[in-house]
C-alpha atoms as a PDB file:
ATOM      1  CA  MET A   1     131.972  85.222 178.231  1.00  0.00           C
ATOM      2  CA  ARG A   2     128.679  83.950 177.067  1.00  0.00           C
ATOM      3  CA  SER A   3     127.281  87.436 176.403  1.00  0.00           C
ATOM      4  CA  ILE A   4     129.993  88.415 173.917  1.00  0.00           C
ATOM      5  CA  PRO A   5     128.864  86.062 171.117  1.00  0.00           C
ATOM      6  CA  LYS A   6     125.259  87.271 171.511  1.00  0.00           C
ATOM      7  CA  ILE A   7     126.306  90.905 171.041  1.00  0.00           C
ATOM      8  CA  VAL A   8     128.353  89.990 167.968  1.00  0.00           C
ATOM      9  CA  ALA A   9     125.448  87.991 166.537  1.00  0.00           C
ATOM     10  CA  VAL A  10     122.999  90.889 167.033  1.00  0.00           C
ATOM     11  CA  GLY A  11     125.477  93.328 165.484  1.00  0.00           C
ATOM     12  CA  CYS A  12     125.932  91.050 162.442  1.00  0.00           C
ATOM     13  CA  ALA A  13     122.160  90.742 161.959  1.00  0.00           C
ATOM     14  CA  VAL A  14     121.631  94.545 161.963  1.00  0.00           C
ATOM     15  CA  ALA A  15     124.554  95.011 159.541  1.00  0.00           C
ATOM     16  CA  THR A  16     123.106  92.342 157.212  1.00  0.00           C
ATOM     17  CA  LEU A  17     119.583  93.908 157.272  1.00  0.00           C
ATOM     18  CA  ALA A  18     121.009  97.381 156.601  1.00  0.00           C
ATOM     19  CA  ALA A  19     123.018  96.040 153.667  1.00  0.00           C
ATOM     20  CA  VAL A  20     119.877  94.636 151.953  1.00  0.00           C
ATOM     21  CA  GLY A  21     117.847  97.775 152.637  1.00  0.00           C
ATOM     22  CA  ALA A  22     115.470  96.424 155.297  1.00  0.00           C
ATOM     23  CA  VAL A  23     116.725  98.887 157.907  1.00  0.00           C
ATOM     24  CA  PRO A  24     117.145 102.603 157.112  1.00  0.00           C
ATOM     25  CA  ALA A  25     120.753 103.758 156.971  1.00  0.00           C
ATOM     26  CA  SER A  26     119.921 106.639 159.337  1.00  0.00           C
ATOM     27  CA  ALA A  27     116.901 107.564 161.415  1.00  0.00           C
ATOM     28  CA  GLY A  28     115.947 110.594 159.254  1.00  0.00           C
ATOM     29  CA  THR A  29     116.204 109.036 155.752  1.00  0.00           C
ATOM     30  CA  ALA A  30     113.434 106.952 154.188  1.00  0.00           C
ATOM     31  CA  HIS A  31     114.496 104.245 151.780  1.00  0.00           C
ATOM     32  CA  PRO A  32     113.060 104.625 148.223  1.00  0.00           C
ATOM     33  CA  ALA A  33     111.691 101.057 148.366  1.00  0.00           C
ATOM     34  CA  MET A  34     109.167 102.322 150.945  1.00  0.00           C
ATOM     35  CA  CYS A  35     107.734 104.987 148.597  1.00  0.00           C
ATOM     36  CA  PRO A  36     104.834 104.288 146.246  1.00  0.00           C
ATOM     37  CA  PRO A  37     105.898 103.672 142.622  1.00  0.00           C
ATOM     38  CA  ASP A  38     106.327 106.593 140.226  1.00  0.00           C
ATOM     39  CA  LYS A  39     103.027 108.013 139.011  1.00  0.00           C
ATOM     40  CA  GLY A  40     104.517 108.631 135.576  1.00  0.00           C
ATOM     41  CA  TYR A  41     102.055 110.577 133.426  1.00  0.00           C
ATOM     42  CA  ASP A  42      98.831 111.944 134.856  1.00  0.00           C
ATOM     43  CA  PHE A  43      96.035 113.893 133.188  1.00  0.00           C
ATOM     44  CA  SER A  44      93.619 116.491 134.585  1.00  0.00           C
ATOM     45  CA  GLY A  45      91.147 119.179 133.542  1.00  0.00           C
ATOM     46  CA  SER A  46      89.978 117.033 130.620  1.00  0.00           C
ATOM     47  CA  TYR A  47      86.931 117.769 128.511  1.00  0.00           C
ATOM     48  CA  THR A  48      85.522 116.884 125.096  1.00  0.00           C
ATOM     49  CA  TYR A  49      84.869 119.540 122.459  1.00  0.00           C
ATOM     50  CA  TYR A  50      84.191 119.867 118.733  1.00  0.00           C
ATOM     51  CA  ARG A  51      86.755 121.358 116.343  1.00  0.00           C
ATOM     52  CA  ASP A  52      85.484 123.043 113.161  1.00  0.00           C
ATOM     53  CA  MET A  53      87.166 121.963 109.938  1.00  0.00           C
ATOM     54  CA  GLU A  54      84.824 123.905 107.636  1.00  0.00           C
ATOM     55  CA  PRO A  55      83.419 127.439 107.988  1.00  0.00           C
ATOM     56  CA  ARG A  56      80.124 127.274 109.887  1.00  0.00           C
ATOM     57  CA  SER A  57      76.833 127.816 108.089  1.00  0.00           C
ATOM     58  CA  GLY A  58      74.096 129.970 109.615  1.00  0.00           C
ATOM     59  CA  GLY A  59      70.451 130.810 109.095  1.00  0.00           C
ATOM     60  CA  ASP A  60      67.394 132.376 110.702  1.00  0.00           C
ATOM     61  CA  SER A  61      64.438 130.681 112.343  1.00  0.00           C
ATOM     62  CA  GLY A  62      62.543 128.284 110.041  1.00  0.00           C
ATOM     63  CA  THR A  63      65.181 128.161 107.264  1.00  0.00           C
ATOM     64  CA  THR A  64      67.048 125.071 106.160  1.00  0.00           C
ATOM     65  CA  ILE A  65      70.812 125.454 106.166  1.00  0.00           C
ATOM     66  CA  SER A  66      73.471 123.067 104.929  1.00  0.00           C
ATOM     67  CA  ILE A  67      77.181 122.499 105.246  1.00  0.00           C
ATOM     68  CA  THR A  68      79.585 120.564 103.041  1.00  0.00           C
ATOM     69  CA  PHE A  69      82.452 118.632 104.605  1.00  0.00           C
ATOM     70  CA  HIS A  70      85.061 118.358 101.835  1.00  0.00           C
ATOM     71  CA  LYS A  71      87.207 115.331 101.109  1.00  0.00           C
ATOM     72  CA  GLY A  72      90.840 115.756 102.094  1.00  0.00           C
ATOM     73  CA  LYS A  73      90.314 118.136 105.033  1.00  0.00           C
ATOM     74  CA  THR A  74      92.949 117.178 107.637  1.00  0.00           C
ATOM     75  CA  THR A  75      93.451 117.929 111.318  1.00  0.00           C
ATOM     76  CA  THR A  76      96.168 116.815 113.716  1.00  0.00           C
ATOM     77  CA  SER A  77      96.364 116.143 117.446  1.00  0.00           C
ATOM     78  CA  THR A  78      98.711 118.497 119.246  1.00  0.00           C
ATOM     79  CA  VAL A  79     100.791 118.040 122.391  1.00  0.00           C
ATOM     80  CA  GLY A  80     102.515 121.056 123.875  1.00  0.00           C
ATOM     81  CA  GLY A  81     104.491 121.797 126.981  1.00  0.00           C
ATOM     82  CA  THR A  82     107.944 121.384 128.393  1.00  0.00           C
ATOM     83  CA  VAL A  83     110.607 121.084 125.689  1.00  0.00           C
ATOM     84  CA  GLY A  84     111.864 117.637 126.790  1.00  0.00           C
ATOM     85  CA  ALA A  85     108.445 116.016 126.364  1.00  0.00           C
ATOM     86  CA  GLU A  86     108.021 113.340 123.740  1.00  0.00           C
ATOM     87  CA  ALA A  87     104.684 114.219 122.117  1.00  0.00           C
ATOM     88  CA  LYS A  88     104.013 110.697 120.852  1.00  0.00           C
ATOM     89  CA  VAL A  89     104.640 109.237 124.359  1.00  0.00           C
ATOM     90  CA  VAL A  90     102.105 111.667 125.896  1.00  0.00           C
ATOM     91  CA  PHE A  91      99.704 110.750 123.069  1.00  0.00           C
ATOM     92  CA  ALA A  92     100.095 106.994 123.767  1.00  0.00           C
ATOM     93  CA  LYS A  93      99.761 107.401 127.558  1.00  0.00           C
ATOM     94  CA  ALA A  94      96.610 109.519 127.102  1.00  0.00           C
ATOM     95  CA  SER A  95      95.090 106.874 124.804  1.00  0.00           C
ATOM     96  CA  ALA A  96      95.652 104.221 127.476  1.00  0.00           C
ATOM     97  CA  THR A  97      94.428 106.436 130.331  1.00  0.00           C
ATOM     98  CA  PHE A  98      91.208 107.585 128.635  1.00  0.00           C
ATOM     99  CA  ASP A  99      90.684 104.275 126.800  1.00  0.00           C
ATOM    100  CA  TYR A 100      90.045 106.190 123.563  1.00  0.00           C
ATOM    101  CA  HIS A 101      91.418 105.512 120.126  1.00  0.00           C
ATOM    102  CA  PHE A 102      92.951 108.911 119.474  1.00  0.00           C
ATOM    103  CA  ALA A 103      94.196 109.711 115.981  1.00  0.00           C
ATOM    104  CA  TRP A 104      97.448 111.601 115.614  1.00  0.00           C
ATOM    105  CA  GLN A 105      96.100 112.870 112.302  1.00  0.00           C
ATOM    106  CA  TRP A 106      92.637 112.514 110.765  1.00  0.00           C
ATOM    107  CA  THR A 107      91.658 113.180 107.140  1.00  0.00           C
ATOM    108  CA  ASN A 108      88.108 113.271 105.812  1.00  0.00           C
ATOM    109  CA  ASP A 109      87.899 110.534 103.169  1.00  0.00           C
ATOM    110  CA  SER A 110      84.805 111.697 101.246  1.00  0.00           C
ATOM    111  CA  THR A 111      82.764 114.830 100.591  1.00  0.00           C
ATOM    112  CA  TYR A 112      79.311 114.958 102.102  1.00  0.00           C
ATOM    113  CA  THR A 113      76.638 117.570 102.759  1.00  0.00           C
ATOM    114  CA  TRP A 114      74.384 117.753 105.780  1.00  0.00           C
ATOM    115  CA  SER A 115      71.232 119.889 106.127  1.00  0.00           C
ATOM    116  CA  TRP A 116      69.334 121.080 109.181  1.00  0.00           C
ATOM    117  CA  LYS A 117      66.208 123.186 109.612  1.00  0.00           C
ATOM    118  CA  VAL A 118      66.613 125.911 112.228  1.00  0.00           C
ATOM    119  CA  PRO A 119      63.693 125.381 114.639  1.00  0.00           C
ATOM    120  CA  ASP A 120      61.005 128.066 114.838  1.00  0.00           C
ATOM    121  CA  THR A 121      61.861 128.424 118.534  1.00  0.00           C
ATOM    122  CA  MET A 122      65.434 129.468 117.686  1.00  0.00           C
ATOM    123  CA  ARG A 123      66.098 133.023 116.429  1.00  0.00           C
ATOM    124  CA  HIS A 124      69.276 132.072 114.539  1.00  0.00           C
ATOM    125  CA  GLY A 125      71.149 128.776 114.250  1.00  0.00           C
ATOM    126  CA  TYR A 126      74.504 127.469 113.078  1.00  0.00           C
ATOM    127  CA  LEU A 127      75.648 124.231 111.508  1.00  0.00           C
ATOM    128  CA  HIS A 128      79.210 122.936 111.973  1.00  0.00           C
ATOM    129  CA  ALA A 129      81.368 120.134 110.498  1.00  0.00           C
ATOM    130  CA  GLY A 130      84.614 118.777 111.932  1.00  0.00           C
ATOM    131  CA  VAL A 131      85.916 116.373 114.565  1.00  0.00           C
ATOM    132  CA  LYS A 132      85.487 115.535 118.230  1.00  0.00           C
ATOM    133  CA  ALA A 133      88.594 116.153 120.285  1.00  0.00           C
ATOM    134  CA  ARG A 134      89.715 115.861 123.895  1.00  0.00           C
ATOM    135  CA  TYR A 135      91.588 118.604 125.729  1.00  0.00           C
ATOM    136  CA  THR A 136      93.699 117.650 128.737  1.00  0.00           C
ATOM    137  CA  LYS A 137      96.505 118.975 130.894  1.00  0.00           C
ATOM    138  CA  TRP A 138      99.337 116.491 131.455  1.00  0.00           C
ATOM    139  CA  ASN A 139     102.231 116.040 133.870  1.00  0.00           C
ATOM    140  CA  LEU A 140     105.207 113.685 133.864  1.00  0.00           C
ATOM    141  CA  ASN A 141     105.977 112.921 137.515  1.00  0.00           C
ATOM    142  CA  THR A 142     108.704 111.197 139.489  1.00  0.00           C
ATOM    143  CA  THR A 143     108.818 110.121 143.134  1.00  0.00           C
ATOM    144  CA  GLU A 144     111.591 111.728 145.194  1.00  0.00           C
ATOM    145  CA  PRO A 145     113.528 109.734 147.847  1.00  0.00           C
ATOM    146  CA  ASN A 146     111.409 111.456 150.533  1.00  0.00           C
ATOM    147  CA  CYS A 147     108.261 110.052 148.823  1.00  0.00           C
ATOM    148  CA  THR A 148     107.059 113.406 147.451  1.00  0.00           C
ATOM    149  CA  THR A 149     106.007 113.757 143.827  1.00  0.00           C
ATOM    150  CA  LYS A 150     108.035 116.068 141.593  1.00  0.00           C
ATOM    151  CA  VAL A 151     106.710 117.270 138.226  1.00  0.00           C
ATOM    152  CA  LEU A 152     109.433 116.838 135.588  1.00  0.00           C
ATOM    153  CA  GLU A 153     107.491 118.043 132.553  1.00  0.00           C
ATOM    154  CA  LYS A 154     103.998 119.419 131.912  1.00  0.00           C
ATOM    155  CA  GLY A 155     101.786 120.747 129.162  1.00  0.00           C
ATOM    156  CA  THR A 156      98.457 120.446 127.377  1.00  0.00           C
ATOM    157  CA  ALA A 157      97.142 118.221 124.620  1.00  0.00           C
ATOM    158  CA  HIS A 158      94.355 118.450 122.032  1.00  0.00           C
ATOM    159  CA  LEU A 159      93.694 114.882 120.880  1.00  0.00           C
ATOM    160  CA  VAL A 160      91.437 113.997 117.931  1.00  0.00           C
ATOM    161  CA  TYR A 161      89.335 110.899 118.554  1.00  0.00           C
ATOM    162  CA  GLN A 162      86.268 110.965 116.351  1.00  0.00           C
ATOM    163  CA  GLY A 163      86.108 112.330 112.824  1.00  0.00           C
ATOM    164  CA  ARG A 164      83.383 113.399 110.455  1.00  0.00           C
ATOM    165  CA  GLU A 165      81.168 115.045 113.054  1.00  0.00           C
ATOM    166  CA  THR A 166      78.409 117.571 112.443  1.00  0.00           C
ATOM    167  CA  TRP A 167      76.619 119.582 115.103  1.00  0.00           C
ATOM    168  CA  HIS A 168      74.295 122.561 115.367  1.00  0.00           C
ATOM    169  CA  GLY A 169      73.512 125.257 117.869  1.00  0.00           C
ATOM    170  CA  ALA A 170      72.002 128.653 118.503  1.00  0.00           C
ATOM    171  CA  SER A 171      73.721 132.002 118.237  1.00  0.00           C
END
C-alpha cells in the first residue's frame, strides 16, 4: 500500500513539469525554449565604395584637372529584395549593425570645385565627386522549432553614409 502514493506522486510531478515545458512532450521533439533566440536580420558580403554624382573629369600626366560638385545633387540609399521586406526596417537594422549613420537620402548643400594634378608617374588620371556608400547583402531569419534557421526574406542594400566626397585614380 505504501508504494501506491509514491507512484502517484512521481506521475503528478512529471505531468506538472511537462505542462510548464520543462520536459519535452515526446522524445523526438525539441521545445522552442531550448533553441537560441531568433537571429533576426543579418548582413554579409559588405564593402564600402564611392558613388559618382557628377561626370568624372580626366587628364593626362602632369596636367591639372578639376571637378565641380553642384549644389542640389541628390542620391538615395536603396534596399531591394523580397517583396515583403520593409526597406526602412532593413535600413535601421543595418545602421545599428554597422554602427554607421546612414542617410536615406543625401543632398549636396553647396557648389564647390576641387582640383588635382595628375602625377608624372601616371599616364592618365581621373577625378570623381560623389558619396561614400556601403553595399551589403541582408537576410531576415527565424528559428524553426527544430532549432534550424530559416530565411524569410533576403536582398541587397546600397546605403549612403558619407557625402561630399572626392577621389582620384588612374585609368
